[in-house]
């Protein structure tokens, strides 16, 4: 099992990869059979290829973004983050605040990631 500091390092790597806007780099952080849902109420993306497709679509639908983990909490094999993403899409600025919960394998790859946010967590400027 990874230590709390190792879990925090994995989250920092995720934040960096998301901010790189490189779907392949993001997907490489996931186990081959990982499950990801953003938001958690949507159908899950199962497998590294599906996760890469999800991020390709998100990157294509936005012009810029900045993803921040404002707090990181660990427990066992789980890391949970409070996050904020500021993005521009269609020339309009938008922000989403929420929580993401990661289950991390002993190999350091994400086995699952679920993002928790809804319409009330969106702000537009």
C-alpha atoms as a PDB file:
ATOM      1  CA  UNK A   1       0.000   0.000   0.000  1.00  0.00           C
ATOM      2  CA  UNK A   2       1.249   3.484  -0.842  1.00  0.00           C
ATOM      3  CA  UNK A   3       2.018   5.930   1.944  1.00  0.00           C
ATOM      4  CA  UNK A   4      -0.020   9.130   2.351  1.00  0.00           C
ATOM      5  CA  UNK A   5       2.884  11.096   0.827  1.00  0.00           C
ATOM      6  CA  UNK A   6       3.000   8.736  -2.163  1.00  0.00           C
ATOM      7  CA  UNK A   7      -0.774   9.168  -2.642  1.00  0.00           C
ATOM      8  CA  UNK A   8      -0.304  12.942  -2.552  1.00  0.00           C
ATOM      9  CA  UNK A   9       2.456  12.624  -5.152  1.00  0.00           C
ATOM     10  CA  UNK A  10       0.113  10.617  -7.409  1.00  0.00           C
ATOM     11  CA  UNK A  11      -2.519  13.358  -7.083  1.00  0.00           C
ATOM     12  CA  UNK A  12       0.096  16.019  -7.884  1.00  0.00           C
ATOM     13  CA  UNK A  13       1.018  14.033 -11.008  1.00  0.00           C
ATOM     14  CA  UNK A  14      -2.648  13.900 -11.989  1.00  0.00           C
ATOM     15  CA  UNK A  15      -3.060  17.660 -11.528  1.00  0.00           C
ATOM     16  CA  UNK A  16       0.040  18.250 -13.670  1.00  0.00           C
ATOM     17  CA  UNK A  17      -1.158  15.853 -16.378  1.00  0.00           C
ATOM     18  CA  UNK A  18      -4.647  17.394 -16.461  1.00  0.00           C
ATOM     19  CA  UNK A  19      -3.111  20.857 -16.802  1.00  0.00           C
ATOM     20  CA  UNK A  20      -0.914  19.604 -19.662  1.00  0.00           C
ATOM     21  CA  UNK A  21      -4.142  18.924 -21.611  1.00  0.00           C
ATOM     22  CA  UNK A  22      -2.508  15.749 -22.940  1.00  0.00           C
ATOM     23  CA  UNK A  23      -5.138  12.999 -22.877  1.00  0.00           C
ATOM     24  CA  UNK A  24      -2.550  10.247 -23.350  1.00  0.00           C
ATOM     25  CA  UNK A  25      -0.495  11.508 -20.396  1.00  0.00           C
ATOM     26  CA  UNK A  26      -3.610  11.616 -18.231  1.00  0.00           C
ATOM     27  CA  UNK A  27      -4.756   8.139 -19.298  1.00  0.00           C
ATOM     28  CA  UNK A  28      -1.284   6.701 -18.590  1.00  0.00           C
ATOM     29  CA  UNK A  29      -1.911   7.356 -14.872  1.00  0.00           C
ATOM     30  CA  UNK A  30      -4.787   4.835 -14.890  1.00  0.00           C
ATOM     31  CA  UNK A  31      -4.715   1.034 -14.703  1.00  0.00           C
ATOM     32  CA  UNK A  32      -5.659  -0.663 -17.963  1.00  0.00           C
ATOM     33  CA  UNK A  33      -9.067  -1.663 -16.514  1.00  0.00           C
ATOM     34  CA  UNK A  34      -9.694   1.493 -14.459  1.00  0.00           C
ATOM     35  CA  UNK A  35     -13.103   3.093 -14.019  1.00  0.00           C
ATOM     36  CA  UNK A  36     -13.605   6.860 -14.228  1.00  0.00           C
ATOM     37  CA  UNK A  37     -16.810   8.910 -14.031  1.00  0.00           C
ATOM     38  CA  UNK A  38     -17.051  12.696 -14.239  1.00  0.00           C
ATOM     39  CA  UNK A  39     -19.476  13.486 -12.760  1.00  0.00           C
ATOM     40  CA  UNK A  40     -20.002  10.312 -10.754  1.00  0.00           C
ATOM     41  CA  UNK A  41     -23.683  10.235 -11.783  1.00  0.00           C
ATOM     42  CA  UNK A  42     -22.771   9.851 -15.474  1.00  0.00           C
ATOM     43  CA  UNK A  43     -22.007   6.528 -17.152  1.00  0.00           C
ATOM     44  CA  UNK A  44     -18.510   5.381 -16.229  1.00  0.00           C
ATOM     45  CA  UNK A  45     -15.608   5.272 -18.652  1.00  0.00           C
ATOM     46  CA  UNK A  46     -14.133   1.792 -18.279  1.00  0.00           C
ATOM     47  CA  UNK A  47     -10.577   1.119 -19.379  1.00  0.00           C
ATOM     48  CA  UNK A  48      -7.627   3.333 -20.207  1.00  0.00           C
ATOM     49  CA  UNK A  49      -8.758   3.829 -23.839  1.00  0.00           C
ATOM     50  CA  UNK A  50     -12.208   5.044 -22.774  1.00  0.00           C
ATOM     51  CA  UNK A  51     -10.652   7.386 -20.217  1.00  0.00           C
ATOM     52  CA  UNK A  52      -8.335   8.823 -22.885  1.00  0.00           C
ATOM     53  CA  UNK A  53     -11.374   9.339 -25.153  1.00  0.00           C
ATOM     54  CA  UNK A  54     -13.183  11.173 -22.333  1.00  0.00           C
ATOM     55  CA  UNK A  55     -10.255  13.539 -21.811  1.00  0.00           C
ATOM     56  CA  UNK A  56      -9.789  14.027 -25.580  1.00  0.00           C
ATOM     57  CA  UNK A  57     -13.413  15.153 -25.728  1.00  0.00           C
ATOM     58  CA  UNK A  58     -13.057  17.457 -22.728  1.00  0.00           C
ATOM     59  CA  UNK A  59      -9.914  19.028 -24.179  1.00  0.00           C
ATOM     60  CA  UNK A  60     -11.610  19.469 -27.555  1.00  0.00           C
ATOM     61  CA  UNK A  61     -14.644  21.117 -25.954  1.00  0.00           C
ATOM     62  CA  UNK A  62     -12.601  23.776 -24.145  1.00  0.00           C
ATOM     63  CA  UNK A  63     -10.096  26.402 -25.173  1.00  0.00           C
ATOM     64  CA  UNK A  64      -8.108  26.543 -21.911  1.00  0.00           C
ATOM     65  CA  UNK A  65      -8.316  25.290 -18.365  1.00  0.00           C
ATOM     66  CA  UNK A  66      -6.524  25.383 -15.041  1.00  0.00           C
ATOM     67  CA  UNK A  67      -7.152  22.472 -12.674  1.00  0.00           C
ATOM     68  CA  UNK A  68      -6.271  22.859  -8.997  1.00  0.00           C
ATOM     69  CA  UNK A  69      -6.434  20.459  -6.052  1.00  0.00           C
ATOM     70  CA  UNK A  70      -7.227  22.876  -3.232  1.00  0.00           C
ATOM     71  CA  UNK A  71      -6.982  20.129  -0.566  1.00  0.00           C
ATOM     72  CA  UNK A  72      -5.859  16.487  -0.569  1.00  0.00           C
ATOM     73  CA  UNK A  73      -7.113  13.920   1.957  1.00  0.00           C
ATOM     74  CA  UNK A  74      -5.797  10.349   2.176  1.00  0.00           C
ATOM     75  CA  UNK A  75      -6.956   7.160   3.876  1.00  0.00           C
ATOM     76  CA  UNK A  76      -5.614   3.713   3.043  1.00  0.00           C
ATOM     77  CA  UNK A  77      -5.618   3.285  -0.740  1.00  0.00           C
ATOM     78  CA  UNK A  78      -7.901   6.291  -1.263  1.00  0.00           C
ATOM     79  CA  UNK A  79      -7.146   9.923  -1.952  1.00  0.00           C
ATOM     80  CA  UNK A  80      -9.899  12.524  -2.106  1.00  0.00           C
ATOM     81  CA  UNK A  81      -9.378  16.051  -3.350  1.00  0.00           C
ATOM     82  CA  UNK A  82     -11.306  19.261  -3.261  1.00  0.00           C
ATOM     83  CA  UNK A  83     -10.840  20.611  -6.771  1.00  0.00           C
ATOM     84  CA  UNK A  84     -11.540  23.661  -8.864  1.00  0.00           C
ATOM     85  CA  UNK A  85     -11.268  23.859 -12.623  1.00  0.00           C
ATOM     86  CA  UNK A  86     -11.385  27.221 -14.357  1.00  0.00           C
ATOM     87  CA  UNK A  87     -12.024  26.884 -18.063  1.00  0.00           C
ATOM     88  CA  UNK A  88     -12.917  28.787 -21.172  1.00  0.00           C
ATOM     89  CA  UNK A  89     -15.273  27.205 -23.643  1.00  0.00           C
ATOM     90  CA  UNK A  90     -16.934  28.933 -26.577  1.00  0.00           C
ATOM     91  CA  UNK A  91     -15.301  32.176 -25.436  1.00  0.00           C
ATOM     92  CA  UNK A  92     -17.062  32.033 -22.046  1.00  0.00           C
ATOM     93  CA  UNK A  93     -15.346  31.507 -18.693  1.00  0.00           C
ATOM     94  CA  UNK A  94     -16.699  28.883 -16.334  1.00  0.00           C
ATOM     95  CA  UNK A  95     -15.627  27.309 -13.054  1.00  0.00           C
ATOM     96  CA  UNK A  96     -16.489  23.951 -11.494  1.00  0.00           C
ATOM     97  CA  UNK A  97     -15.798  23.155  -7.840  1.00  0.00           C
ATOM     98  CA  UNK A  98     -16.142  19.627  -6.528  1.00  0.00           C
ATOM     99  CA  UNK A  99     -14.531  16.560  -5.037  1.00  0.00           C
ATOM    100  CA  UNK A 100     -12.706  13.717  -6.771  1.00  0.00           C
ATOM    101  CA  UNK A 101     -12.128  10.365  -5.084  1.00  0.00           C
ATOM    102  CA  UNK A 102      -9.267   8.150  -6.283  1.00  0.00           C
ATOM    103  CA  UNK A 103      -8.605   4.487  -5.492  1.00  0.00           C
ATOM    104  CA  UNK A 104      -4.908   3.835  -6.074  1.00  0.00           C
ATOM    105  CA  UNK A 105      -3.252   0.454  -6.598  1.00  0.00           C
ATOM    106  CA  UNK A 106       0.038  -0.623  -5.072  1.00  0.00           C
ATOM    107  CA  UNK A 107       1.610   0.101  -8.478  1.00  0.00           C
ATOM    108  CA  UNK A 108       0.579   3.762  -8.133  1.00  0.00           C
ATOM    109  CA  UNK A 109      -1.959   3.596 -10.971  1.00  0.00           C
ATOM    110  CA  UNK A 110      -5.511   4.818 -10.444  1.00  0.00           C
ATOM    111  CA  UNK A 111      -8.009   1.947 -10.274  1.00  0.00           C
ATOM    112  CA  UNK A 112     -10.961   4.323 -10.103  1.00  0.00           C
ATOM    113  CA  UNK A 113     -11.681   8.028 -10.053  1.00  0.00           C
ATOM    114  CA  UNK A 114     -15.104   9.555  -9.445  1.00  0.00           C
ATOM    115  CA  UNK A 115     -15.810  13.286  -9.563  1.00  0.00           C
ATOM    116  CA  UNK A 116     -18.627  14.689  -7.430  1.00  0.00           C
ATOM    117  CA  UNK A 117     -20.211  17.928  -8.601  1.00  0.00           C
ATOM    118  CA  UNK A 118     -23.543  19.115  -9.954  1.00  0.00           C
ATOM    119  CA  UNK A 119     -25.119  22.190 -11.556  1.00  0.00           C
ATOM    120  CA  UNK A 120     -24.947  24.138  -8.279  1.00  0.00           C
ATOM    121  CA  UNK A 121     -21.126  23.816  -8.380  1.00  0.00           C
ATOM    122  CA  UNK A 122     -20.875  25.710 -11.716  1.00  0.00           C
ATOM    123  CA  UNK A 123     -20.193  29.417 -11.890  1.00  0.00           C
ATOM    124  CA  UNK A 124     -19.972  31.562 -15.006  1.00  0.00           C
ATOM    125  CA  UNK A 125     -18.158  34.831 -15.508  1.00  0.00           C
END
